[in-house]
Amino acid sequence: MNLTTDSRSSRQGIPGHYDTFLEVFTQATAMVREDYLQLPVAGREDPLYRERVYCYELYHRLRLTMDNSILRFRYMLCGELDKSGHPYIRGDSLDGVKPDFLVHVPLSMTDNLVAIEVKPVTRIIQDEAGTGAVRRRVIRQGEIEKDLRTLTAFRKVGKYLHAIYLIYGNDDRGFQHIRAKAAFLSNKLGTKKIDLGLIDLYLHRESGQPASHQVWL
C-alpha cells in the first residue's frame, strides 16, 4: 500500500492561507536536521526520539520560514499555548489543553488557522533492568487519544479552520500502529470526540525530506 499522497492535489478547495501554510510547513520540516529528528545519546547505539527536541527545532524552522516568506504570511506561531481561562472556551473541552503548535491571529476568533499535535513514531526507553540497554515501544493508545481529542476540540470548539497530526520518524510498523489506533478510537468514541475527517495526517520520515500528507485508514 502506498501511504503517501500528493499534498497539492489533495488540498483542492482549501482556502489560500492554509495552502500557504502547508508550503511553509513542508519546507520547515525538510530543514530539520537528523540530530534533532533522532537525538544521539552518549553510550547508546540507538538514538532517541525526543519529542521536545524535535518540536523546538521545528518551531525554529517554522518561524524562520514564516518570517522569510515572500507571501508575507500574517499569522503568529505559538508553541504550547495554554487556553485555560479563555473567555470563549472557559470550562469547555479546551480548558487546560496545550497543543504543540497553534497558528492564528491573536485577539481574533475568526483567524484561527491551524492547531498541530506532534508524536514520534515510536519511543525508545531505557531497559527496566538498569543494564543500559534500550528498547522501542509503540505509542500508547492513551497518548494518541489525548492528541486526537485535542485536535478535534480545537476544530469544533476553538473555531480553528484546520488541524494537523504530525508523526515523525522512520518506522513503518510504528506509524501503522498509530493509524490503526486512531481509526479504532474514532469508531469507539464517535466523531463528536474524535473526528479524523477534521484532522490532516502528516508523516515526516527522514531528515532532508519534507513531511508528506497521509491518508487515514
Protein backbone atom coordinates (compact mmCIF):
# COMPACT_ATOMS: atom_id res chain seq x y z
CA MET A 1 0.00 0.00 0.00
CA ASN A 2 1.29 3.44 -0.91
CA LEU A 3 0.59 5.63 2.11
CA THR A 4 1.80 8.88 0.58
CA THR A 5 -0.50 11.16 -1.37
CA ASP A 6 0.34 14.36 -3.18
CA SER A 7 -0.44 17.18 -0.76
CA ARG A 8 -1.11 19.71 -3.52
CA SER A 9 -3.71 17.59 -5.31
CA SER A 10 -5.42 16.66 -2.03
CA ARG A 11 -5.71 20.29 -0.92
CA GLN A 12 -8.07 21.48 -3.65
CA GLY A 13 -10.78 23.76 -2.33
CA ILE A 14 -8.87 24.70 0.83
CA PRO A 15 -8.60 28.45 1.49
CA GLY A 16 -5.39 30.05 0.20
CA HIS A 17 -3.99 30.83 3.63
CA TYR A 18 -3.86 27.15 4.51
CA ASP A 19 -2.19 26.35 1.20
CA THR A 20 0.41 28.96 2.07
CA PHE A 21 0.93 27.45 5.49
CA LEU A 22 1.34 23.95 4.05
CA GLU A 23 4.12 25.25 1.81
CA VAL A 24 5.80 26.81 4.84
CA PHE A 25 5.18 23.70 6.94
CA THR A 26 6.67 21.22 4.46
CA GLN A 27 9.67 23.48 3.80
CA ALA A 28 10.33 23.77 7.54
CA THR A 29 10.12 20.01 8.18
CA ALA A 30 12.63 19.39 5.38
CA MET A 31 15.13 21.64 7.21
CA VAL A 32 15.06 19.70 10.49
CA ARG A 33 18.48 18.09 10.86
CA GLU A 34 18.91 14.40 11.64
CA ASP A 35 20.29 15.02 15.13
CA TYR A 36 17.06 16.81 16.02
CA LEU A 37 14.87 14.17 14.41
CA GLN A 38 16.70 11.47 16.36
CA LEU A 39 18.79 12.70 19.28
CA PRO A 40 22.20 10.95 19.64
CA VAL A 41 22.90 9.86 23.22
CA ALA A 42 26.39 9.10 24.57
CA GLY A 43 26.92 5.39 25.19
CA ARG A 44 23.92 4.28 23.18
CA GLU A 45 23.91 2.93 19.65
CA ASP A 46 20.22 3.76 19.18
CA PRO A 47 19.39 7.48 19.09
CA LEU A 48 16.28 8.62 20.94
CA TYR A 49 13.12 10.10 19.52
CA ARG A 50 12.70 13.05 21.89
CA GLU A 51 9.52 14.95 21.14
CA ARG A 52 10.54 18.21 22.84
CA VAL A 53 13.86 18.35 20.96
CA TYR A 54 12.10 17.84 17.62
CA CYS A 55 9.37 20.37 18.43
CA TYR A 56 11.83 23.08 19.49
CA GLU A 57 13.77 22.70 16.25
CA LEU A 58 10.61 22.60 14.15
CA TYR A 59 9.35 25.74 15.89
CA HIS A 60 12.61 27.46 14.99
CA ARG A 61 12.41 26.36 11.36
CA LEU A 62 8.75 27.32 11.08
CA ARG A 63 9.44 30.80 12.47
CA LEU A 64 12.30 31.37 10.04
CA THR A 65 10.29 30.15 7.07
CA MET A 66 7.18 32.14 8.02
CA ASP A 67 9.19 35.33 8.60
CA ASN A 68 11.04 34.98 5.29
CA SER A 69 8.02 34.05 3.21
CA ILE A 70 7.67 36.27 0.15
CA LEU A 71 3.92 35.73 0.56
CA ARG A 72 4.06 37.77 3.80
CA PHE A 73 2.36 35.14 5.87
CA ARG A 74 0.48 37.11 8.52
CA TYR A 75 -0.24 34.51 11.18
CA MET A 76 1.58 34.09 14.50
CA LEU A 77 3.11 30.79 15.54
CA CYS A 78 2.69 29.84 19.20
CA GLY A 79 4.07 26.79 20.99
CA GLU A 80 2.07 25.04 23.73
CA LEU A 81 -0.28 27.96 24.25
CA ASP A 82 -2.49 27.31 27.28
CA LYS A 83 -6.14 28.17 26.61
CA SER A 84 -7.18 27.83 30.26
CA GLY A 85 -9.45 30.68 31.27
CA HIS A 86 -10.02 31.91 27.73
CA PRO A 87 -13.33 33.83 27.89
CA TYR A 88 -14.79 31.99 24.89
CA ILE A 89 -13.83 28.46 25.93
CA ARG A 90 -13.57 28.53 29.73
CA GLY A 91 -14.75 25.24 31.20
CA ASP A 92 -15.14 23.62 27.80
CA SER A 93 -13.20 20.72 26.25
CA LEU A 94 -10.21 23.00 25.54
CA ASP A 95 -9.72 24.17 29.12
CA GLY A 96 -6.21 23.20 30.20
CA VAL A 97 -5.04 21.59 26.94
CA LYS A 98 -1.85 22.73 25.22
CA PRO A 99 -1.35 21.68 21.59
CA ASP A 100 2.25 21.63 20.39
CA PHE A 101 1.66 24.47 17.91
CA LEU A 102 -1.08 26.99 17.16
CA VAL A 103 -1.06 29.22 14.09
CA HIS A 104 -3.51 32.11 14.49
CA VAL A 105 -4.04 35.85 14.64
CA PRO A 106 -4.05 36.91 18.33
CA LEU A 107 -7.23 38.55 19.67
CA SER A 108 -9.28 37.07 16.84
CA MET A 109 -11.65 34.10 16.91
CA THR A 110 -12.15 34.19 13.14
CA ASP A 111 -8.48 33.84 12.13
CA ASN A 112 -7.57 30.61 13.95
CA LEU A 113 -5.80 28.81 11.12
CA VAL A 114 -4.38 25.50 12.35
CA ALA A 115 -3.67 23.51 15.52
CA ILE A 116 -0.86 20.92 15.42
CA GLU A 117 -0.01 17.96 17.64
CA VAL A 118 3.29 16.08 17.21
CA LYS A 119 4.23 12.49 18.09
CA PRO A 120 7.31 10.34 17.47
CA VAL A 121 6.55 7.21 15.52
CA THR A 122 7.87 5.11 18.43
CA ARG A 123 9.59 5.77 21.74
CA ILE A 124 12.97 4.39 22.79
CA ILE A 125 13.22 3.83 26.54
CA GLN A 126 15.86 2.50 28.89
CA ASP A 127 15.61 -1.15 29.87
CA GLU A 128 13.85 -1.56 33.22
CA ALA A 129 16.59 -3.90 34.45
CA GLY A 130 19.04 -0.99 34.50
CA THR A 131 21.50 -2.64 32.15
CA GLY A 132 21.78 0.45 29.96
CA ALA A 133 20.09 -1.32 27.07
CA VAL A 134 17.25 0.40 25.27
CA ARG A 135 14.11 -0.92 23.69
CA ARG A 136 11.45 0.50 21.45
CA ARG A 137 7.82 0.72 22.40
CA VAL A 138 4.82 1.80 20.42
CA ILE A 139 2.99 4.98 21.33
CA ARG A 140 0.34 4.20 23.93
CA GLN A 141 -3.31 4.42 22.97
CA GLY A 142 -3.97 6.98 25.70
CA GLU A 143 -1.42 9.37 24.18
CA ILE A 144 -2.99 9.07 20.75
CA GLU A 145 -6.47 9.58 22.17
CA LYS A 146 -5.41 12.73 24.02
CA ASP A 147 -3.89 14.25 20.87
CA LEU A 148 -6.86 13.46 18.67
CA ARG A 149 -9.39 14.69 21.23
CA THR A 150 -7.43 17.94 21.48
CA LEU A 151 -7.31 18.47 17.72
CA THR A 152 -11.00 17.65 17.30
CA ALA A 153 -11.91 20.08 20.09
CA PHE A 154 -9.83 22.86 18.55
CA ARG A 155 -11.70 22.35 15.27
CA LYS A 156 -15.17 22.13 16.79
CA VAL A 157 -14.95 24.37 19.86
CA GLY A 158 -11.89 26.54 19.30
CA LYS A 159 -13.03 27.51 15.80
CA TYR A 160 -9.73 26.51 14.18
CA LEU A 161 -10.11 26.02 10.46
CA HIS A 162 -7.63 23.13 10.23
CA ALA A 163 -5.75 20.61 12.34
CA ILE A 164 -2.60 18.55 11.69
CA TYR A 165 -1.39 15.40 13.41
CA LEU A 166 2.34 15.21 12.62
CA ILE A 167 4.09 11.88 13.16
CA TYR A 168 7.87 11.84 12.78
CA GLY A 169 10.39 9.02 12.45
CA ASN A 170 11.21 6.24 10.01
CA ASP A 171 9.41 3.22 11.42
CA ASP A 172 6.56 1.97 9.26
CA ARG A 173 5.24 -0.51 11.85
CA GLY A 174 5.06 2.25 14.44
CA PHE A 175 3.24 4.53 12.03
CA GLN A 176 0.78 1.79 11.08
CA HIS A 177 0.12 1.26 14.79
CA ILE A 178 -0.75 4.94 15.28
CA ARG A 179 -3.06 4.97 12.26
CA ALA A 180 -4.82 1.80 13.35
CA LYS A 181 -5.31 3.08 16.91
CA ALA A 182 -6.66 6.38 15.58
CA ALA A 183 -9.25 4.54 13.48
CA PHE A 184 -10.17 2.33 16.43
CA LEU A 185 -10.60 5.31 18.76
CA SER A 186 -12.68 7.25 16.24
CA ASN A 187 -15.03 4.28 15.80
CA LYS A 188 -15.20 3.63 19.55
CA LEU A 189 -15.72 7.20 20.78
CA GLY A 190 -17.59 8.66 17.83
CA THR A 191 -16.88 11.74 15.76
CA LYS A 192 -18.14 14.08 18.47
CA LYS A 193 -14.94 13.35 20.42
CA ILE A 194 -12.52 12.22 17.68
CA ASP A 195 -13.28 13.20 14.10
CA LEU A 196 -10.49 12.16 11.76
CA GLY A 197 -12.26 13.94 8.92
CA LEU A 198 -11.28 17.22 10.60
CA ILE A 199 -7.60 16.30 11.01
CA ASP A 200 -4.87 16.12 8.37
CA LEU A 201 -2.31 13.37 8.96
CA TYR A 202 1.34 14.07 8.07
CA LEU A 203 4.41 11.85 8.32
CA HIS A 204 7.98 13.17 8.49
CA ARG A 205 10.14 10.14 7.85
CA GLU A 206 13.68 11.44 7.39
CA SER A 207 15.88 14.49 7.70
CA GLY A 208 16.16 16.49 4.50
CA GLN A 209 12.76 15.34 3.29
CA PRO A 210 9.50 17.23 3.81
CA ALA A 211 6.63 15.78 5.78
CA SER A 212 4.08 14.22 3.45
CA HIS A 213 0.31 14.08 3.65
CA GLN A 214 -1.07 10.63 4.52
CA VAL A 215 -4.50 9.03 4.42
CA TRP A 216 -6.26 7.71 7.50
CA LEU A 217 -7.31 4.07 7.42
